N, C-alpha and C. Protein backbone atom coordinates (compact mmCIF):
# COMPACT_ATOMS: atom_id res chain seq x y z
N UNK A 1 -31.68 0.80 -19.18
CA UNK A 1 -32.79 0.50 -18.74
C UNK A 1 -34.15 1.42 -19.45
N UNK A 2 -35.43 0.98 -18.89
CA UNK A 2 -36.76 1.65 -19.62
C UNK A 2 -37.46 2.84 -19.38
N UNK A 3 -37.78 3.75 -19.46
CA UNK A 3 -38.21 5.08 -18.89
C UNK A 3 -39.39 5.13 -18.14
N UNK A 4 -39.85 3.89 -18.01
CA UNK A 4 -40.89 3.41 -17.91
C UNK A 4 -40.42 2.58 -16.58
N UNK A 5 -39.83 1.54 -16.17
CA UNK A 5 -39.30 1.33 -14.85
C UNK A 5 -38.43 2.27 -14.29
N UNK A 6 -38.07 3.16 -14.43
CA UNK A 6 -37.20 4.81 -14.23
C UNK A 6 -37.88 5.60 -13.44
N UNK A 7 -39.14 5.57 -14.37
CA UNK A 7 -40.42 6.46 -13.71
C UNK A 7 -40.63 5.51 -12.60
N UNK A 8 -41.67 4.70 -12.96
CA UNK A 8 -42.08 3.63 -11.38
C UNK A 8 -41.15 3.73 -10.21
N UNK A 9 -39.85 3.49 -10.47
CA UNK A 9 -38.76 3.37 -9.30
C UNK A 9 -38.93 4.73 -8.82
N UNK A 10 -38.79 5.38 -9.91
CA UNK A 10 -38.62 6.95 -8.79
C UNK A 10 -39.97 7.51 -7.97
N UNK A 11 -41.14 6.80 -8.56
CA UNK A 11 -42.13 6.78 -7.42
C UNK A 11 -42.48 6.18 -6.54
N UNK A 12 -41.72 5.23 -6.65
CA UNK A 12 -41.51 4.19 -5.62
C UNK A 12 -40.90 4.49 -4.64
N UNK A 13 -39.62 5.00 -5.06
CA UNK A 13 -38.44 5.83 -4.21
C UNK A 13 -39.10 7.32 -3.46
N UNK A 14 -39.99 8.25 -4.36
CA UNK A 14 -40.59 9.42 -3.64
C UNK A 14 -41.79 9.12 -2.39
N UNK A 15 -42.55 7.49 -2.73
CA UNK A 15 -43.49 7.36 -2.32
C UNK A 15 -43.11 6.49 -0.67
N UNK A 16 -42.05 6.17 -0.69
CA UNK A 16 -41.36 5.86 0.74
C UNK A 16 -40.19 7.51 1.15
N UNK A 17 -40.29 7.82 0.52
CA UNK A 17 -39.29 8.87 0.74
C UNK A 17 -40.73 10.13 1.81
N UNK A 18 -41.92 10.24 0.69
CA UNK A 18 -42.98 10.80 1.64
C UNK A 18 -43.55 10.17 2.83
N UNK A 19 -44.13 8.56 2.58
CA UNK A 19 -43.75 7.86 3.69
C UNK A 19 -43.30 8.62 4.67
N UNK A 20 -41.48 7.95 4.83
CA UNK A 20 -40.53 8.20 5.81
C UNK A 20 -41.17 9.78 6.56
N UNK A 21 -40.83 10.42 5.77
CA UNK A 21 -41.55 12.09 6.37
C UNK A 21 -42.71 12.38 6.85
N UNK A 22 -43.71 11.57 6.76
CA UNK A 22 -44.94 12.47 6.81
C UNK A 22 -44.57 11.76 8.44
N UNK A 23 -44.34 10.34 8.46
CA UNK A 23 -44.50 9.60 9.92
C UNK A 23 -42.77 9.92 10.79
N UNK A 24 -42.26 10.06 10.92
CA UNK A 24 -41.00 10.37 11.25
C UNK A 24 -40.67 12.04 11.60
N UNK A 25 -40.61 12.80 10.13
CA UNK A 25 -40.22 14.18 9.59
C UNK A 25 -41.27 14.37 10.48
N UNK A 26 -42.65 14.40 9.88
CA UNK A 26 -43.96 15.55 9.71
C UNK A 26 -44.30 15.71 11.24
N UNK A 27 -44.60 14.68 12.21
CA UNK A 27 -45.00 14.89 13.24
C UNK A 27 -44.27 15.56 14.56
N UNK A 28 -42.87 15.36 14.55
CA UNK A 28 -41.91 16.61 15.44
C UNK A 28 -42.01 18.11 15.00
N UNK A 29 -42.24 18.66 13.22
CA UNK A 29 -42.13 19.97 12.67
C UNK A 29 -43.58 20.26 13.04
N UNK A 30 -44.54 19.49 12.96
CA UNK A 30 -45.66 20.11 13.20
C UNK A 30 -45.64 20.19 14.88
N UNK A 31 -45.34 19.41 15.77
CA UNK A 31 -45.45 20.14 16.94
C UNK A 31 -44.79 21.10 16.74
N UNK A 32 -43.64 21.53 16.68
CA UNK A 32 -42.66 22.77 17.00
C UNK A 32 -43.32 23.62 16.40
N UNK A 33 -44.02 23.43 15.47
CA UNK A 33 -44.66 24.81 14.88
C UNK A 33 -45.66 24.99 15.69
N UNK A 34 -46.96 24.57 16.23
CA UNK A 34 -47.61 23.92 16.90
C UNK A 34 -47.58 24.92 18.20
N UNK A 35 -46.13 24.34 18.74
CA UNK A 35 -46.00 25.07 20.06
C UNK A 35 -45.46 26.42 19.70
N UNK A 36 -44.42 26.48 18.77
CA UNK A 36 -44.35 27.75 18.67
C UNK A 36 -45.36 29.00 18.49
N UNK A 37 -46.55 28.07 17.60
CA UNK A 37 -47.52 29.19 17.79
C UNK A 37 -48.06 29.11 18.90
N UNK A 38 -48.24 28.83 19.77
CA UNK A 38 -48.53 28.75 20.85
C UNK A 38 -47.88 29.72 22.05
N UNK A 39 -46.37 29.69 21.92
CA UNK A 39 -45.72 30.70 22.52
C UNK A 39 -46.44 32.48 21.98
N UNK A 40 -46.18 31.91 20.18
CA UNK A 40 -46.37 33.38 20.29
C UNK A 40 -48.18 34.31 20.59
N UNK A 41 -49.14 33.05 21.06
CA UNK A 41 -50.22 33.59 21.60
C UNK A 41 -49.95 33.65 22.90
N UNK A 42 -49.39 33.06 23.38
CA UNK A 42 -48.98 33.34 24.60
C UNK A 42 -48.40 34.64 25.34
N UNK A 43 -47.25 34.87 24.11
CA UNK A 43 -46.90 36.44 24.49
C UNK A 43 -47.46 37.64 24.09
N UNK A 44 -48.50 37.18 22.93
CA UNK A 44 -49.29 38.11 22.58
C UNK A 44 -49.89 38.63 24.19
N UNK A 45 -51.31 37.20 24.48
CA UNK A 45 -52.39 37.93 25.82
C UNK A 45 -51.20 38.22 26.27
N UNK A 46 -50.15 38.23 27.01
CA UNK A 46 -49.32 38.32 27.81
C UNK A 46 -48.81 40.30 27.81
N UNK A 47 -48.64 40.61 26.05
CA UNK A 47 -48.82 41.41 25.86
C UNK A 47 -49.66 42.75 26.48
N UNK A 48 -50.78 42.06 26.02
CA UNK A 48 -52.45 42.47 26.11
C UNK A 48 -52.11 42.94 27.36
N UNK A 49 -52.46 42.01 28.13
CA UNK A 49 -52.23 41.64 29.58
C UNK A 49 -51.20 42.60 29.98
N UNK A 50 -49.88 43.04 29.46
CA UNK A 50 -49.18 43.89 30.15
C UNK A 50 -49.73 45.30 29.65
N UNK A 51 -50.27 45.75 28.29
CA UNK A 51 -50.68 47.12 28.31
C UNK A 51 -52.25 47.53 29.07
N UNK A 52 -52.87 46.28 29.72
CA UNK A 52 -53.91 46.68 30.52
C UNK A 52 -53.58 46.99 31.80
N UNK A 53 -52.49 46.25 32.27
CA UNK A 53 -51.55 46.10 33.25
C UNK A 53 -51.21 47.73 33.79
N UNK A 54 -50.70 47.85 32.01
CA UNK A 54 -49.95 49.40 32.40
C UNK A 54 -50.57 50.21 32.62
N UNK A 55 -51.52 50.56 31.77
CA UNK A 55 -53.10 51.42 31.88
C UNK A 55 -53.33 51.79 32.76
N UNK A 56 -53.45 50.56 34.33
CA UNK A 56 -53.97 50.54 35.34
C UNK A 56 -53.05 50.95 36.03
N UNK A 57 -51.73 51.18 35.93
CA UNK A 57 -50.62 51.65 36.72
C UNK A 57 -50.89 52.99 36.35
N UNK A 58 -51.10 53.51 35.11
CA UNK A 58 -50.59 54.68 34.88
C UNK A 58 -52.50 55.90 35.68
N UNK A 59 -52.98 54.86 35.54
CA UNK A 59 -54.19 55.38 36.39
C UNK A 59 -54.22 55.20 37.93
N UNK A 60 -53.43 54.63 37.98
CA UNK A 60 -53.22 54.60 39.42
C UNK A 60 -52.32 56.16 39.59
N UNK A 61 -51.10 55.94 39.06
CA UNK A 61 -50.09 57.14 39.42
C UNK A 61 -50.88 58.00 39.01
N UNK A 62 -51.67 58.63 38.30
CA UNK A 62 -51.92 60.47 38.50
C UNK A 62 -53.41 60.41 39.23
N UNK A 63 -53.56 59.32 39.82
CA UNK A 63 -54.70 59.59 41.06
C UNK A 63 -53.62 60.00 42.03
N UNK A 64 -52.69 59.16 42.31
CA UNK A 64 -52.29 59.40 43.50
C UNK A 64 -50.91 60.56 43.28
N UNK A 65 -50.86 61.18 41.69
CA UNK A 65 -49.87 62.20 41.72
C UNK A 65 -51.85 63.86 42.07
N UNK A 66 -52.21 63.33 41.43
CA UNK A 66 -53.44 64.41 41.71
C UNK A 66 -53.53 64.73 43.60
N UNK A 67 -53.39 63.18 44.01
CA UNK A 67 -53.57 63.62 45.24
C UNK A 67 -52.67 63.87 46.31
N UNK A 68 -51.23 63.80 45.57
CA UNK A 68 -50.36 64.37 46.15
C UNK A 68 -50.10 66.11 46.05
N UNK A 69 -50.49 66.54 44.46
CA UNK A 69 -50.90 67.77 44.28
C UNK A 69 -51.55 68.31 45.54
N UNK A 70 -53.21 68.03 45.42
CA UNK A 70 -53.63 68.27 46.00
C UNK A 70 -53.36 68.37 47.57
N UNK A 71 -52.69 67.42 48.40
CA UNK A 71 -52.20 67.37 49.68
C UNK A 71 -50.67 68.88 49.46
N UNK A 72 -50.15 68.74 48.61
CA UNK A 72 -49.42 70.25 48.64
C UNK A 72 -49.48 71.35 48.28
N UNK A 73 -50.95 71.25 47.34
CA UNK A 73 -51.91 72.59 47.70
C UNK A 73 -52.15 72.80 49.22
N UNK A 74 -52.65 72.00 49.77
CA UNK A 74 -53.16 71.90 50.94
C UNK A 74 -52.68 72.74 52.07
N UNK A 75 -51.12 71.78 51.88
CA UNK A 75 -50.31 72.27 52.96
C UNK A 75 -49.40 73.70 52.69
N UNK A 76 -49.49 74.09 51.37
CA UNK A 76 -49.06 75.80 50.92
C UNK A 76 -50.08 76.16 51.94
N UNK A 77 -51.50 75.91 51.48
CA UNK A 77 -52.48 76.81 51.78
C UNK A 77 -52.39 77.23 53.31
N UNK A 78 -52.25 75.80 54.54
CA UNK A 78 -51.66 75.75 55.56
C UNK A 78 -50.63 76.63 56.20
N UNK A 79 -49.45 76.53 55.42
CA UNK A 79 -47.83 77.35 55.86
C UNK A 79 -48.22 79.02 55.91
N UNK A 80 -48.93 78.87 54.83
CA UNK A 80 -49.37 80.48 54.59
C UNK A 80 -50.03 81.46 55.75
N UNK A 81 -51.29 80.34 55.96
CA UNK A 81 -51.78 80.90 56.53
C UNK A 81 -51.28 80.97 58.54
N UNK A 82 -50.72 79.78 58.72
CA UNK A 82 -49.61 79.91 59.50
C UNK A 82 -48.65 81.22 59.53
N UNK A 83 -47.92 81.26 58.69
CA UNK A 83 -47.03 82.17 58.32
C UNK A 83 -47.65 83.84 58.85
N UNK A 84 -48.58 83.54 57.88
CA UNK A 84 -49.83 85.16 58.10
C UNK A 84 -50.02 85.04 59.68
N UNK A 85 -50.47 84.37 60.65
CA UNK A 85 -50.25 84.27 61.66
C UNK A 85 -49.20 84.65 62.94
N UNK A 86 -47.86 84.25 62.11
CA UNK A 86 -46.75 84.52 63.09
C UNK A 86 -46.37 86.10 62.44
N UNK A 87 -46.69 86.43 61.42
CA UNK A 87 -46.47 88.04 60.94
C UNK A 87 -47.59 88.61 61.69
N UNK A 88 -48.95 88.76 62.08
CA UNK A 88 -49.47 89.18 62.77
C UNK A 88 -49.21 89.60 64.17
N UNK A 89 -48.82 88.21 65.10
CA UNK A 89 -48.33 88.27 66.03
C UNK A 89 -47.24 88.64 65.84
N UNK A 90 -46.47 88.61 65.28
CA UNK A 90 -44.79 89.80 65.64
C UNK A 90 -45.33 90.84 65.10
N UNK A 91 -46.54 91.41 64.59
CA UNK A 91 -46.43 92.66 64.34
C UNK A 91 -47.19 92.82 65.67
N UNK A 92 -48.25 92.09 66.54
CA UNK A 92 -48.85 92.84 67.21
C UNK A 92 -48.15 93.34 68.92
N UNK A 93 -46.57 92.33 68.58
CA UNK A 93 -45.68 91.80 69.29
C UNK A 93 -44.98 93.43 69.91
N UNK A 94 -44.65 93.51 68.51
CA UNK A 94 -43.72 94.90 68.12
C UNK A 94 -44.39 96.24 68.19
N UNK A 95 -45.61 95.90 68.24
CA UNK A 95 -46.70 96.94 68.48
C UNK A 95 -47.06 97.73 70.32
N UNK A 96 -46.86 96.42 70.65
CA UNK A 96 -46.66 96.30 72.14
C UNK A 96 -45.43 96.62 73.06
N UNK A 97 -44.25 96.32 71.61
CA UNK A 97 -43.21 96.76 72.05
C UNK A 97 -42.95 98.47 72.67
N UNK A 98 -43.12 98.39 71.17
CA UNK A 98 -43.25 100.01 70.70
C UNK A 98 -43.58 101.24 71.91
N UNK A 99 -45.23 100.54 71.34
CA UNK A 99 -45.87 101.27 72.99
C UNK A 99 -45.17 101.64 74.30
N UNK A 100 -44.65 100.32 74.82
CA UNK A 100 -43.89 100.56 76.16
C UNK A 100 -42.71 100.63 75.97
N UNK A 101 -41.90 101.06 74.70
CA UNK A 101 -40.84 101.78 74.41
C UNK A 101 -41.37 103.26 74.70
N UNK A 102 -42.42 103.81 74.10
CA UNK A 102 -42.72 104.76 73.45
C UNK A 102 -43.36 105.84 75.08
N UNK A 103 -43.69 104.94 76.53
CA UNK A 103 -44.52 105.31 77.59
C UNK A 103 -42.92 105.24 77.94
N UNK A 104 -42.14 104.41 78.04
CA UNK A 104 -40.88 104.64 79.04
C UNK A 104 -40.06 106.17 78.85
N UNK A 105 -40.15 106.06 77.25
CA UNK A 105 -39.81 107.30 76.65
C UNK A 105 -40.17 108.75 77.49
N UNK A 106 -41.51 108.10 76.97
CA UNK A 106 -42.59 109.31 77.95
C UNK A 106 -41.71 109.77 79.37
N UNK A 107 -42.11 108.51 80.27
CA UNK A 107 -42.19 109.24 80.92
C UNK A 107 -40.16 109.18 81.84
N UNK A 108 -39.33 108.69 80.81
CA UNK A 108 -37.90 109.12 81.42
C UNK A 108 -38.02 110.54 80.70
N UNK A 109 -38.62 111.31 79.87
CA UNK A 109 -38.74 112.66 79.34
C UNK A 109 -39.15 113.65 80.28
N UNK A 110 -40.50 113.32 80.78
CA UNK A 110 -41.15 113.67 81.98
C UNK A 110 -40.27 114.13 83.26
N UNK A 111 -38.91 112.68 83.58
CA UNK A 111 -38.53 112.65 84.77
C UNK A 111 -37.52 113.88 84.23
N UNK A 112 -36.64 113.89 82.86
CA UNK A 112 -35.91 114.84 82.79
C UNK A 112 -36.59 116.08 83.16
N UNK A 113 -37.30 116.27 82.54
CA UNK A 113 -37.87 117.76 82.51
C UNK A 113 -38.36 117.94 83.77
N UNK A 114 -38.45 117.31 84.44
CA UNK A 114 -38.66 118.15 86.24
C UNK A 114 -37.11 117.84 86.14
N UNK A 115 -36.97 117.05 86.91
CA UNK A 115 -34.95 117.47 86.69
C UNK A 115 -34.72 118.72 86.72
N UNK A 116 -34.90 119.06 85.02
CA UNK A 116 -34.48 119.49 84.35
C UNK A 116 -34.86 121.16 84.94
N UNK A 117 -36.48 121.12 85.60
CA UNK A 117 -36.86 122.39 86.13
C UNK A 117 -36.29 122.48 87.26
N UNK A 118 -36.57 121.34 88.32
CA UNK A 118 -36.09 121.92 89.42
C UNK A 118 -34.46 121.89 89.48
N UNK A 119 -33.34 121.66 88.37
CA UNK A 119 -32.73 122.29 88.53
C UNK A 119 -32.13 123.46 88.19
N UNK A 120 -32.82 124.43 87.20
CA UNK A 120 -32.85 125.53 86.88
C UNK A 120 -33.93 126.31 87.82
N UNK A 121 -34.79 126.30 88.57
CA UNK A 121 -34.86 126.46 89.73
C UNK A 121 -33.98 126.97 90.95
N UNK A 122 -33.14 125.78 90.79
CA UNK A 122 -32.25 126.06 92.21
C UNK A 122 -30.79 127.28 90.83
N UNK A 123 -31.07 126.86 90.20
CA UNK A 123 -29.59 127.77 89.54
C UNK A 123 -30.79 129.27 89.56
N UNK A 124 -31.97 129.38 89.35
CA UNK A 124 -32.52 131.18 89.43
C UNK A 124 -33.01 131.38 90.48
N UNK A 125 -32.69 130.74 91.87
CA UNK A 125 -32.28 130.88 92.89
C UNK A 125 -31.41 131.01 93.93
N UNK A 126 -30.27 130.63 93.08
CA UNK A 126 -29.02 131.49 93.11
C UNK A 126 -28.74 132.72 92.57
N UNK A 127 -29.30 132.63 91.37
CA UNK A 127 -28.71 133.87 90.98
C UNK A 127 -30.04 135.34 91.29
N UNK A 128 -30.94 134.57 91.63
CA UNK A 128 -31.74 135.64 92.04
C UNK A 128 -31.36 136.09 93.48
N UNK A 129 -30.42 135.51 94.21
CA UNK A 129 -29.68 135.85 95.49
C UNK A 129 -28.21 136.15 95.06
N UNK A 130 -27.70 136.37 94.35
CA UNK A 130 -26.69 137.10 93.45
C UNK A 130 -27.30 138.24 93.89
N UNK A 131 -28.03 138.31 92.33
CA UNK A 131 -28.93 139.55 91.98
C UNK A 131 -29.08 140.60 93.90
N UNK A 132 -29.67 139.74 94.54
CA UNK A 132 -30.21 140.30 95.21
C UNK A 132 -28.82 141.02 96.14
N UNK A 133 -28.12 140.52 96.07
CA UNK A 133 -26.51 140.68 97.28
C UNK A 133 -26.10 141.56 96.07
N UNK A 134 -25.95 141.84 94.51
CA UNK A 134 -25.68 142.90 94.11
C UNK A 134 -26.52 144.23 94.57
N UNK A 135 -27.93 143.68 94.20
CA UNK A 135 -28.13 145.24 94.75
C UNK A 135 -28.55 145.71 95.93
N UNK A 136 -28.12 144.74 96.94
CA UNK A 136 -28.06 145.28 98.60
C UNK A 136 -27.04 145.70 98.76
N UNK A 137 -26.11 144.96 98.02
CA UNK A 137 -24.23 145.19 98.25
C UNK A 137 -23.91 144.73 99.40
N UNK A 138 -25.08 143.75 99.71
CA UNK A 138 -24.46 142.19 101.08
C UNK A 138 -24.75 141.38 100.77
N UNK A 139 -24.31 140.31 101.96
CA UNK A 139 -24.91 139.18 102.23
C UNK A 139 -26.25 138.82 102.19
N UNK A 140 -26.83 137.88 101.85
CA UNK A 140 -27.98 137.81 102.02
C UNK A 140 -28.20 136.45 102.56
N UNK A 141 -28.40 135.70 103.85
CA UNK A 141 -28.58 134.56 104.73
C UNK A 141 -29.07 133.93 103.79
N UNK A 142 -29.14 132.33 103.26
CA UNK A 142 -29.73 131.57 102.53
C UNK A 142 -30.21 131.03 103.90
N UNK A 143 -30.28 130.72 104.34
CA UNK A 143 -30.38 129.34 105.77
C UNK A 143 -31.34 130.65 106.74
N UNK A 144 -31.51 131.79 106.71
CA UNK A 144 -32.46 132.22 107.19
C UNK A 144 -33.69 132.81 106.60
N UNK A 145 -33.18 132.59 105.41
CA UNK A 145 -34.45 133.21 104.35
C UNK A 145 -34.61 131.97 103.49
N UNK A 146 -34.28 130.72 104.09
CA UNK A 146 -35.14 129.54 103.19
C UNK A 146 -36.66 129.54 102.62
N UNK A 147 -37.64 129.79 103.70
CA UNK A 147 -38.85 129.61 103.52
C UNK A 147 -39.27 130.73 102.29
N UNK A 148 -38.41 132.06 102.31
CA UNK A 148 -38.77 133.09 101.20
C UNK A 148 -37.77 132.54 99.80
N UNK A 149 -36.59 131.31 100.00
CA UNK A 149 -36.45 131.37 98.14
C UNK A 149 -37.40 129.58 97.90
N UNK A 150 -37.71 128.97 99.13
CA UNK A 150 -38.62 127.76 98.32
C UNK A 150 -40.01 128.46 97.88
N UNK A 151 -40.51 129.47 98.19
CA UNK A 151 -41.17 130.36 97.69
C UNK A 151 -41.13 130.45 96.48
N UNK A 152 -39.68 131.64 96.44
CA UNK A 152 -39.45 131.52 94.96
C UNK A 152 -39.54 130.59 93.79
N UNK A 153 -38.62 129.37 94.64
CA UNK A 153 -38.40 128.14 93.69
C UNK A 153 -40.07 127.68 93.06
N UNK A 154 -40.42 128.12 93.56
CA UNK A 154 -42.17 127.41 93.20
C UNK A 154 -42.89 128.41 92.86
N UNK A 155 -42.41 130.05 92.00
CA UNK A 155 -43.08 130.54 92.10
C UNK A 155 -42.35 130.58 90.66
N UNK A 156 -41.47 130.27 90.78
CA UNK A 156 -40.52 129.87 88.94
C UNK A 156 -40.66 128.37 88.40
């Protein structure tokens, strides 16, 4: 075999293989690569849209958090005001109740003082009668001298 004939045969086989490859293998390979490039571009676009959506969601979340904080602070303030009103009302009620109890106690004390005075007057009258009996060495009639004894009670 001749080197030129071998070389020409190799060129012919190469061109046949190159033509077969360009006609049957190359188009599906290029379409697969183009499809993959399109999928990658779509994925990158979706990632960008996802980032934009994430940023918008974060802004909405921050706005909701801020709104919730403000609402919470408002409710806490209202609760504190209500608590203060309840405390003030309880103090007022307690003050009124204390005044009523003090007034009742004073009234009761005055009644006890009056009762004690009446009791002491009666005892003093009895003691005065006994003292007079001792002095006079005779019995003083309490019924006969009731007016005199009542006058003595009032003077004491």
